[in-house]
Amino acid sequence: MTDEEIAALVKAAGLEDTAARYPADVRAALAQLARHKGQLPRSSDPTLEPTPAYVAPRP
């Protein structure tokens, strides 16, 4: 995961302060998420998804 991707995820999640205080922990959590991403369940019903998987939330 690139620094730009990490920064975008941190911003989208509203974790700027946390990432500034605990950058190693945030990187570790994102790395773990990337490893398990394929095992996370996805609904086949698009109405149950709050945001399409391909669109990052905008602040």
Protein backbone atom coordinates (compact mmCIF):
# COMPACT_ATOMS: atom_id res chain seq x y z
CA MET A 1 0.00 0.00 0.00
CA THR A 2 1.43 3.36 -1.01
CA ASP A 3 1.66 6.41 1.23
CA GLU A 4 -0.96 8.16 -0.93
CA GLU A 5 -3.40 5.27 -0.48
CA ILE A 6 -2.82 5.23 3.27
CA ALA A 7 -3.34 8.99 3.49
CA ALA A 8 -6.60 8.73 1.51
CA LEU A 9 -7.91 5.93 3.74
CA VAL A 10 -6.93 7.80 6.91
CA LYS A 11 -8.67 10.93 5.69
CA ALA A 12 -11.79 9.04 4.56
CA ALA A 13 -12.02 7.36 7.96
CA GLY A 14 -11.44 10.61 9.85
CA LEU A 15 -8.35 9.23 11.59
CA GLU A 16 -5.92 12.08 10.95
CA ASP A 17 -5.24 12.71 14.66
CA THR A 18 -4.86 9.02 15.41
CA ALA A 19 -2.53 8.51 12.45
CA ALA A 20 -0.43 11.46 13.58
CA ARG A 21 -0.11 10.08 17.12
CA TYR A 22 0.20 6.38 16.26
CA PRO A 23 1.42 6.04 12.66
CA ALA A 24 2.88 2.54 13.10
CA ASP A 25 -0.38 1.23 14.58
CA VAL A 26 -2.46 2.71 11.77
CA ARG A 27 -0.11 1.22 9.14
CA ALA A 28 -0.28 -2.18 10.88
CA ALA A 29 -4.08 -2.06 10.97
CA LEU A 30 -4.29 -1.17 7.28
CA ALA A 31 -1.82 -3.92 6.38
CA GLN A 32 -3.93 -6.43 8.30
CA LEU A 33 -7.06 -5.22 6.55
CA ALA A 34 -5.36 -5.61 3.16
CA ARG A 35 -4.42 -9.22 4.03
CA HIS A 36 -7.99 -10.11 5.05
CA LYS A 37 -9.83 -8.01 2.47
CA GLY A 38 -10.73 -11.02 0.32
CA GLN A 39 -12.35 -12.82 3.24
CA LEU A 40 -14.69 -9.97 4.19
CA PRO A 41 -18.28 -10.73 3.18
CA ARG A 42 -19.91 -8.61 0.51
CA SER A 43 -23.63 -8.44 -0.08
CA SER A 44 -24.91 -9.25 -3.54
CA ASP A 45 -27.78 -6.81 -2.97
CA PRO A 46 -26.57 -3.28 -3.87
CA THR A 47 -29.30 -1.64 -1.77
CA LEU A 48 -27.68 -3.07 1.37
CA GLU A 49 -24.33 -1.42 0.61
CA PRO A 50 -24.15 2.12 2.06
CA THR A 51 -21.49 3.16 -0.47
CA PRO A 52 -20.50 1.33 -3.65
CA ALA A 53 -17.22 -0.55 -3.14
CA TYR A 54 -15.46 1.45 -5.85
CA VAL A 55 -16.30 4.92 -4.49
CA ALA A 56 -14.43 6.48 -1.57
CA PRO A 57 -16.59 8.65 0.67
CA ARG A 58 -16.18 12.39 0.20
CA PRO A 59 -15.85 14.67 3.25
